[in-house]
């Protein structure tokens, strides 16, 4: 099938995918479609499944391309690795589609699965419905700057996870004002990641956006590992006193 047909198959699940993204993945050696005599790409069903695995691993498991490629290269020809868990220990993303509110658990909570701009836009009512928090808590989170809106006044899908975490922490007496430190730390870390990945994106070369996105994803995943380990170490020290 043509690259356009592949795009049509993938876009319902991956609305941000583009032809340039697929070409970038080919250039990085993650997918190798056949070429016709006239030079056109021809993708097989396995190529499509491989692309779906790659995009899912990026979106749901926060994996950089070199980790995904290593997983794929370790498999026998024609097979894909199981897609459960993450090399970085990052759980899956909370779904934001559907009418039912989602429940926070290790199987459903995730950090940002991509550093590319999100296309999900949630109204306040959407966020309340999907997160299951009440209006009073959401107002407090917004006032504290823990949850923010975009320029158009909408929330993104990550606000669902933040709200659910805040609700769970509230059961332990943690108030929204206590969460400002988490927001401040996240903002500082994102500034550092932008300093690293920004020049790559602004280089203007072919595939620059995709390379910058993958670099930011990799650095962010390492930052998450570091942050998690630091918290575990600090908590252990406190409990051992």
C-alpha atoms as a PDB file:
ATOM      1  CA  UNK A   1       0.000   0.000   0.000  1.00  0.00           C
ATOM      2  CA  UNK A   2       1.087   3.605  -0.545  1.00  0.00           C
ATOM      3  CA  UNK A   3       2.308   5.966   2.162  1.00  0.00           C
ATOM      4  CA  UNK A   4      -0.971   7.864   1.860  1.00  0.00           C
ATOM      5  CA  UNK A   5      -2.960   4.692   2.519  1.00  0.00           C
ATOM      6  CA  UNK A   6      -0.797   3.966   5.564  1.00  0.00           C
ATOM      7  CA  UNK A   7      -1.455   7.477   6.838  1.00  0.00           C
ATOM      8  CA  UNK A   8      -5.204   6.939   6.480  1.00  0.00           C
ATOM      9  CA  UNK A   9      -4.963   3.724   8.532  1.00  0.00           C
ATOM     10  CA  UNK A  10      -2.930   5.308  11.321  1.00  0.00           C
ATOM     11  CA  UNK A  11      -4.580   8.699  11.709  1.00  0.00           C
ATOM     12  CA  UNK A  12      -7.727   7.540  13.548  1.00  0.00           C
ATOM     13  CA  UNK A  13      -5.490   6.409  16.437  1.00  0.00           C
ATOM     14  CA  UNK A  14      -2.607   8.832  15.885  1.00  0.00           C
ATOM     15  CA  UNK A  15      -4.046  12.159  14.671  1.00  0.00           C
ATOM     16  CA  UNK A  16      -0.651  13.901  14.847  1.00  0.00           C
ATOM     17  CA  UNK A  17       1.105  11.503  12.464  1.00  0.00           C
ATOM     18  CA  UNK A  18       2.165  12.953   9.114  1.00  0.00           C
ATOM     19  CA  UNK A  19       3.836  11.733   5.943  1.00  0.00           C
ATOM     20  CA  UNK A  20       7.018  13.505   7.038  1.00  0.00           C
ATOM     21  CA  UNK A  21       6.882  11.589  10.339  1.00  0.00           C
ATOM     22  CA  UNK A  22       6.668   8.258   8.492  1.00  0.00           C
ATOM     23  CA  UNK A  23       9.531   9.285   6.202  1.00  0.00           C
ATOM     24  CA  UNK A  24      11.555  10.298   9.260  1.00  0.00           C
ATOM     25  CA  UNK A  25      11.003   6.885  10.864  1.00  0.00           C
ATOM     26  CA  UNK A  26      12.139   5.282   7.614  1.00  0.00           C
ATOM     27  CA  UNK A  27      15.268   7.470   7.549  1.00  0.00           C
ATOM     28  CA  UNK A  28      16.031   6.377  11.119  1.00  0.00           C
ATOM     29  CA  UNK A  29      15.826   2.724  10.083  1.00  0.00           C
ATOM     30  CA  UNK A  30      12.723   1.852  12.072  1.00  0.00           C
ATOM     31  CA  UNK A  31      10.680   0.837   9.051  1.00  0.00           C
ATOM     32  CA  UNK A  32      11.907  -0.279   5.625  1.00  0.00           C
ATOM     33  CA  UNK A  33       9.165  -0.268   2.986  1.00  0.00           C
ATOM     34  CA  UNK A  34       9.852  -1.779  -0.392  1.00  0.00           C
ATOM     35  CA  UNK A  35      10.329   0.453  -3.431  1.00  0.00           C
ATOM     36  CA  UNK A  36       8.644   0.031  -6.780  1.00  0.00           C
ATOM     37  CA  UNK A  37      10.608   0.261 -10.020  1.00  0.00           C
ATOM     38  CA  UNK A  38       9.597   3.911 -10.242  1.00  0.00           C
ATOM     39  CA  UNK A  39      10.801   4.604  -6.696  1.00  0.00           C
ATOM     40  CA  UNK A  40       7.487   4.759  -4.838  1.00  0.00           C
ATOM     41  CA  UNK A  41       7.255   3.309  -1.335  1.00  0.00           C
ATOM     42  CA  UNK A  42       5.138   0.197  -0.875  1.00  0.00           C
ATOM     43  CA  UNK A  43       4.209  -0.735   2.686  1.00  0.00           C
ATOM     44  CA  UNK A  44       3.151  -4.210   3.782  1.00  0.00           C
ATOM     45  CA  UNK A  45       0.746  -5.105   6.593  1.00  0.00           C
ATOM     46  CA  UNK A  46       3.807  -5.817   8.764  1.00  0.00           C
ATOM     47  CA  UNK A  47       5.190  -2.347   8.021  1.00  0.00           C
ATOM     48  CA  UNK A  48       1.887  -0.855   9.200  1.00  0.00           C
ATOM     49  CA  UNK A  49       1.933  -2.980  12.357  1.00  0.00           C
ATOM     50  CA  UNK A  50       5.522  -1.923  12.994  1.00  0.00           C
ATOM     51  CA  UNK A  51       4.611   1.756  12.597  1.00  0.00           C
ATOM     52  CA  UNK A  52       1.679   1.299  14.948  1.00  0.00           C
ATOM     53  CA  UNK A  53       3.992  -0.305  17.523  1.00  0.00           C
ATOM     54  CA  UNK A  54       6.475   2.573  17.232  1.00  0.00           C
ATOM     55  CA  UNK A  55       3.846   5.299  17.545  1.00  0.00           C
ATOM     56  CA  UNK A  56       2.167   3.549  20.472  1.00  0.00           C
ATOM     57  CA  UNK A  57       5.483   3.094  22.291  1.00  0.00           C
ATOM     58  CA  UNK A  58       6.214   6.791  21.865  1.00  0.00           C
ATOM     59  CA  UNK A  59       2.758   7.922  22.917  1.00  0.00           C
ATOM     60  CA  UNK A  60       1.935   5.508  25.737  1.00  0.00           C
ATOM     61  CA  UNK A  61       5.321   4.394  27.067  1.00  0.00           C
ATOM     62  CA  UNK A  62       7.371   7.544  26.531  1.00  0.00           C
ATOM     63  CA  UNK A  63      10.167   5.635  24.812  1.00  0.00           C
ATOM     64  CA  UNK A  64      12.814   7.357  22.656  1.00  0.00           C
ATOM     65  CA  UNK A  65      13.388   5.953  19.180  1.00  0.00           C
ATOM     66  CA  UNK A  66      16.727   4.311  19.962  1.00  0.00           C
ATOM     67  CA  UNK A  67      15.070   2.234  22.702  1.00  0.00           C
ATOM     68  CA  UNK A  68      12.182   1.298  20.389  1.00  0.00           C
ATOM     69  CA  UNK A  69      14.617   0.351  17.622  1.00  0.00           C
ATOM     70  CA  UNK A  70      16.602  -1.844  20.013  1.00  0.00           C
ATOM     71  CA  UNK A  71      13.404  -3.644  21.023  1.00  0.00           C
ATOM     72  CA  UNK A  72      12.427  -4.196  17.394  1.00  0.00           C
ATOM     73  CA  UNK A  73      15.904  -5.331  16.336  1.00  0.00           C
ATOM     74  CA  UNK A  74      15.914  -7.930  19.121  1.00  0.00           C
ATOM     75  CA  UNK A  75      12.870  -9.682  17.649  1.00  0.00           C
ATOM     76  CA  UNK A  76      12.885 -12.399  14.970  1.00  0.00           C
ATOM     77  CA  UNK A  77      11.978 -11.209  11.486  1.00  0.00           C
ATOM     78  CA  UNK A  78       8.279 -10.556  11.095  1.00  0.00           C
ATOM     79  CA  UNK A  79       7.590 -10.350  14.838  1.00  0.00           C
ATOM     80  CA  UNK A  80       6.966  -7.445  17.193  1.00  0.00           C
ATOM     81  CA  UNK A  81       7.854  -7.225  20.893  1.00  0.00           C
ATOM     82  CA  UNK A  82       5.031  -7.313  23.461  1.00  0.00           C
ATOM     83  CA  UNK A  83       3.799  -3.801  24.143  1.00  0.00           C
ATOM     84  CA  UNK A  84       3.338  -3.778  27.906  1.00  0.00           C
ATOM     85  CA  UNK A  85       5.302  -1.822  30.454  1.00  0.00           C
ATOM     86  CA  UNK A  86       8.129   0.595  29.759  1.00  0.00           C
ATOM     87  CA  UNK A  87      11.878   0.624  29.953  1.00  0.00           C
ATOM     88  CA  UNK A  88      11.476   3.801  31.942  1.00  0.00           C
ATOM     89  CA  UNK A  89       8.752   2.513  34.213  1.00  0.00           C
ATOM     90  CA  UNK A  90       6.224   5.041  32.937  1.00  0.00           C
ATOM     91  CA  UNK A  91       2.641   3.700  33.045  1.00  0.00           C
ATOM     92  CA  UNK A  92       0.047   4.120  30.329  1.00  0.00           C
ATOM     93  CA  UNK A  93      -1.873   7.280  29.559  1.00  0.00           C
ATOM     94  CA  UNK A  94      -5.297   7.944  30.993  1.00  0.00           C
ATOM     95  CA  UNK A  95      -7.787   7.749  28.095  1.00  0.00           C
ATOM     96  CA  UNK A  96      -9.639  10.994  27.517  1.00  0.00           C
ATOM     97  CA  UNK A  97     -12.315   9.742  25.155  1.00  0.00           C
ATOM     98  CA  UNK A  98     -15.664   8.337  26.157  1.00  0.00           C
ATOM     99  CA  UNK A  99     -18.309   9.468  28.577  1.00  0.00           C
ATOM    100  CA  UNK A 100     -17.218   7.689  31.745  1.00  0.00           C
ATOM    101  CA  UNK A 101     -14.813   9.319  34.172  1.00  0.00           C
ATOM    102  CA  UNK A 102     -11.504   7.522  34.527  1.00  0.00           C
ATOM    103  CA  UNK A 103     -10.116   6.101  37.727  1.00  0.00           C
ATOM    104  CA  UNK A 104      -6.568   6.789  38.823  1.00  0.00           C
ATOM    105  CA  UNK A 105      -4.416   3.672  39.181  1.00  0.00           C
ATOM    106  CA  UNK A 106      -0.981   2.402  38.250  1.00  0.00           C
ATOM    107  CA  UNK A 107      -2.472   0.910  35.094  1.00  0.00           C
ATOM    108  CA  UNK A 108      -3.947   4.193  33.910  1.00  0.00           C
ATOM    109  CA  UNK A 109      -1.750   7.086  35.026  1.00  0.00           C
ATOM    110  CA  UNK A 110       1.031   8.463  32.864  1.00  0.00           C
ATOM    111  CA  UNK A 111       3.160  11.473  32.359  1.00  0.00           C
ATOM    112  CA  UNK A 112       3.108  13.293  29.067  1.00  0.00           C
ATOM    113  CA  UNK A 113       3.431  10.761  26.306  1.00  0.00           C
ATOM    114  CA  UNK A 114       4.627  13.215  23.729  1.00  0.00           C
ATOM    115  CA  UNK A 115       6.197  16.632  23.766  1.00  0.00           C
ATOM    116  CA  UNK A 116       4.464  17.578  20.529  1.00  0.00           C
ATOM    117  CA  UNK A 117       1.537  19.989  20.850  1.00  0.00           C
ATOM    118  CA  UNK A 118      -1.612  18.134  21.807  1.00  0.00           C
ATOM    119  CA  UNK A 119      -4.798  18.329  19.746  1.00  0.00           C
ATOM    120  CA  UNK A 120      -7.016  17.393  22.701  1.00  0.00           C
ATOM    121  CA  UNK A 121      -8.990  20.373  23.993  1.00  0.00           C
ATOM    122  CA  UNK A 122     -11.176  19.933  27.052  1.00  0.00           C
ATOM    123  CA  UNK A 123     -13.686  22.377  28.444  1.00  0.00           C
ATOM    124  CA  UNK A 124     -14.051  22.769  32.194  1.00  0.00           C
ATOM    125  CA  UNK A 125     -17.117  20.523  32.094  1.00  0.00           C
ATOM    126  CA  UNK A 126     -15.182  17.898  30.103  1.00  0.00           C
ATOM    127  CA  UNK A 127     -12.367  17.927  32.632  1.00  0.00           C
ATOM    128  CA  UNK A 128     -14.727  17.615  35.592  1.00  0.00           C
ATOM    129  CA  UNK A 129     -16.526  14.703  33.944  1.00  0.00           C
ATOM    130  CA  UNK A 130     -13.442  12.782  32.876  1.00  0.00           C
ATOM    131  CA  UNK A 131     -11.358  13.322  35.990  1.00  0.00           C
ATOM    132  CA  UNK A 132     -14.153  12.771  38.498  1.00  0.00           C
ATOM    133  CA  UNK A 133     -13.047  15.708  40.678  1.00  0.00           C
ATOM    134  CA  UNK A 134     -15.504  18.278  41.994  1.00  0.00           C
ATOM    135  CA  UNK A 135     -15.647  21.912  40.931  1.00  0.00           C
ATOM    136  CA  UNK A 136     -14.258  23.164  44.242  1.00  0.00           C
ATOM    137  CA  UNK A 137     -11.075  21.104  43.930  1.00  0.00           C
ATOM    138  CA  UNK A 138     -10.592  22.049  40.288  1.00  0.00           C
ATOM    139  CA  UNK A 139     -10.987  25.739  41.138  1.00  0.00           C
ATOM    140  CA  UNK A 140      -8.371  25.387  43.879  1.00  0.00           C
ATOM    141  CA  UNK A 141      -5.961  23.629  41.510  1.00  0.00           C
ATOM    142  CA  UNK A 142      -6.368  26.340  38.882  1.00  0.00           C
ATOM    143  CA  UNK A 143      -5.955  29.089  41.485  1.00  0.00           C
ATOM    144  CA  UNK A 144      -2.769  27.442  42.761  1.00  0.00           C
ATOM    145  CA  UNK A 145      -1.413  27.205  39.204  1.00  0.00           C
ATOM    146  CA  UNK A 146      -1.206  23.422  39.371  1.00  0.00           C
ATOM    147  CA  UNK A 147      -3.583  23.085  36.416  1.00  0.00           C
ATOM    148  CA  UNK A 148      -3.436  25.638  33.614  1.00  0.00           C
ATOM    149  CA  UNK A 149      -5.312  26.266  30.381  1.00  0.00           C
ATOM    150  CA  UNK A 150      -3.984  26.942  26.918  1.00  0.00           C
ATOM    151  CA  UNK A 151      -4.286  30.277  25.079  1.00  0.00           C
ATOM    152  CA  UNK A 152      -7.847  29.444  23.971  1.00  0.00           C
ATOM    153  CA  UNK A 153      -8.935  28.633  27.520  1.00  0.00           C
ATOM    154  CA  UNK A 154      -9.085  24.851  27.117  1.00  0.00           C
ATOM    155  CA  UNK A 155      -7.445  22.157  29.224  1.00  0.00           C
ATOM    156  CA  UNK A 156      -5.320  19.351  27.754  1.00  0.00           C
ATOM    157  CA  UNK A 157      -5.411  15.609  28.425  1.00  0.00           C
ATOM    158  CA  UNK A 158      -2.694  15.853  31.064  1.00  0.00           C
ATOM    159  CA  UNK A 159      -4.996  17.977  33.198  1.00  0.00           C
ATOM    160  CA  UNK A 160      -7.134  14.857  33.687  1.00  0.00           C
ATOM    161  CA  UNK A 161      -4.220  12.990  35.257  1.00  0.00           C
ATOM    162  CA  UNK A 162      -3.152  15.983  37.353  1.00  0.00           C
ATOM    163  CA  UNK A 163      -6.671  16.419  38.713  1.00  0.00           C
ATOM    164  CA  UNK A 164      -6.978  12.724  39.546  1.00  0.00           C
ATOM    165  CA  UNK A 165      -3.623  12.708  41.328  1.00  0.00           C
ATOM    166  CA  UNK A 166      -4.624  15.800  43.300  1.00  0.00           C
ATOM    167  CA  UNK A 167      -7.881  14.130  44.317  1.00  0.00           C
ATOM    168  CA  UNK A 168      -6.026  11.019  45.490  1.00  0.00           C
ATOM    169  CA  UNK A 169      -3.469  13.089  47.404  1.00  0.00           C
ATOM    170  CA  UNK A 170      -6.274  15.069  49.047  1.00  0.00           C
ATOM    171  CA  UNK A 171      -7.272  11.857  50.823  1.00  0.00           C
ATOM    172  CA  UNK A 172      -3.929  12.078  52.642  1.00  0.00           C
ATOM    173  CA  UNK A 173      -4.447  15.705  53.601  1.00  0.00           C
ATOM    174  CA  UNK A 174      -2.425  17.170  50.739  1.00  0.00           C
ATOM    175  CA  UNK A 175      -3.983  20.453  49.594  1.00  0.00           C
ATOM    176  CA  UNK A 176      -3.641  22.143  46.175  1.00  0.00           C
ATOM    177  CA  UNK A 177      -1.325  24.792  47.649  1.00  0.00           C
ATOM    178  CA  UNK A 178       1.067  22.008  48.627  1.00  0.00           C
ATOM    179  CA  UNK A 179       1.282  20.969  44.973  1.00  0.00           C
ATOM    180  CA  UNK A 180       2.750  24.262  43.765  1.00  0.00           C
ATOM    181  CA  UNK A 181       6.223  22.877  44.394  1.00  0.00           C
ATOM    182  CA  UNK A 182       5.532  20.064  41.919  1.00  0.00           C
ATOM    183  CA  UNK A 183       4.417  22.559  39.270  1.00  0.00           C
ATOM    184  CA  UNK A 184       7.447  24.775  39.870  1.00  0.00           C
ATOM    185  CA  UNK A 185       9.803  21.808  39.605  1.00  0.00           C
ATOM    186  CA  UNK A 186       8.118  20.611  36.407  1.00  0.00           C
ATOM    187  CA  UNK A 187       8.390  24.088  34.868  1.00  0.00           C
ATOM    188  CA  UNK A 188      12.106  24.296  35.674  1.00  0.00           C
ATOM    189  CA  UNK A 189      12.730  20.837  34.258  1.00  0.00           C
ATOM    190  CA  UNK A 190      10.784  21.615  31.082  1.00  0.00           C
ATOM    191  CA  UNK A 191      12.867  24.777  30.618  1.00  0.00           C
ATOM    192  CA  UNK A 192      16.019  22.656  30.816  1.00  0.00           C
ATOM    193  CA  UNK A 193      14.639  20.170  28.290  1.00  0.00           C
ATOM    194  CA  UNK A 194      13.710  23.047  25.963  1.00  0.00           C
ATOM    195  CA  UNK A 195      17.292  24.336  26.127  1.00  0.00           C
ATOM    196  CA  UNK A 196      18.517  20.928  24.976  1.00  0.00           C
ATOM    197  CA  UNK A 197      15.918  20.103  22.317  1.00  0.00           C
ATOM    198  CA  UNK A 198      15.055  23.616  21.139  1.00  0.00           C
ATOM    199  CA  UNK A 199      18.155  24.143  18.975  1.00  0.00           C
ATOM    200  CA  UNK A 200      17.522  20.829  17.211  1.00  0.00           C
ATOM    201  CA  UNK A 201      13.946  21.844  16.339  1.00  0.00           C
ATOM    202  CA  UNK A 202      15.045  25.292  15.154  1.00  0.00           C
ATOM    203  CA  UNK A 203      17.799  23.904  12.938  1.00  0.00           C
ATOM    204  CA  UNK A 204      15.321  23.899  10.059  1.00  0.00           C
ATOM    205  CA  UNK A 205      16.612  20.664   8.564  1.00  0.00           C
ATOM    206  CA  UNK A 206      14.394  17.880   7.260  1.00  0.00           C
ATOM    207  CA  UNK A 207      13.003  15.903  10.180  1.00  0.00           C
ATOM    208  CA  UNK A 208      14.150  18.532  12.703  1.00  0.00           C
ATOM    209  CA  UNK A 209      10.793  18.599  14.486  1.00  0.00           C
ATOM    210  CA  UNK A 210      10.736  14.809  14.836  1.00  0.00           C
ATOM    211  CA  UNK A 211      14.356  14.661  16.043  1.00  0.00           C
ATOM    212  CA  UNK A 212      13.717  17.436  18.549  1.00  0.00           C
ATOM    213  CA  UNK A 213      10.578  15.703  19.778  1.00  0.00           C
ATOM    214  CA  UNK A 214      12.407  12.420  20.274  1.00  0.00           C
ATOM    215  CA  UNK A 215      15.346  14.127  22.004  1.00  0.00           C
ATOM    216  CA  UNK A 216      12.991  15.950  24.371  1.00  0.00           C
ATOM    217  CA  UNK A 217      11.154  12.693  25.062  1.00  0.00           C
ATOM    218  CA  UNK A 218      14.408  10.912  25.889  1.00  0.00           C
ATOM    219  CA  UNK A 219      15.692  13.663  28.195  1.00  0.00           C
ATOM    220  CA  UNK A 220      12.285  13.920  29.885  1.00  0.00           C
ATOM    221  CA  UNK A 221      12.229  10.163  30.475  1.00  0.00           C
ATOM    222  CA  UNK A 222      15.668  10.335  32.078  1.00  0.00           C
ATOM    223  CA  UNK A 223      14.516  13.265  34.214  1.00  0.00           C
ATOM    224  CA  UNK A 224      11.519  11.207  35.356  1.00  0.00           C
ATOM    225  CA  UNK A 225      13.809   8.318  36.301  1.00  0.00           C
ATOM    226  CA  UNK A 226      16.066  10.681  38.227  1.00  0.00           C
ATOM    227  CA  UNK A 227      13.154  12.382  39.993  1.00  0.00           C
ATOM    228  CA  UNK A 228      11.602   9.051  40.965  1.00  0.00           C
ATOM    229  CA  UNK A 229      14.887   7.700  42.318  1.00  0.00           C
ATOM    230  CA  UNK A 230      15.567  10.884  44.285  1.00  0.00           C
ATOM    231  CA  UNK A 231      12.135  10.736  45.917  1.00  0.00           C
ATOM    232  CA  UNK A 232      12.530   7.044  46.793  1.00  0.00           C
ATOM    233  CA  UNK A 233      15.957   7.701  48.273  1.00  0.00           C
ATOM    234  CA  UNK A 234      14.753  10.708  50.274  1.00  0.00           C
ATOM    235  CA  UNK A 235      11.701   8.859  51.608  1.00  0.00           C
ATOM    236  CA  UNK A 236      13.851   5.911  52.660  1.00  0.00           C
ATOM    237  CA  UNK A 237      16.228   8.246  54.498  1.00  0.00           C
ATOM    238  CA  UNK A 238      13.333   9.913  56.321  1.00  0.00           C
ATOM    239  CA  UNK A 239      11.797   6.595  57.375  1.00  0.00           C
ATOM    240  CA  UNK A 240      15.160   5.222  58.515  1.00  0.00           C
ATOM    241  CA  UNK A 241      15.881   8.105  60.868  1.00  0.00           C
END
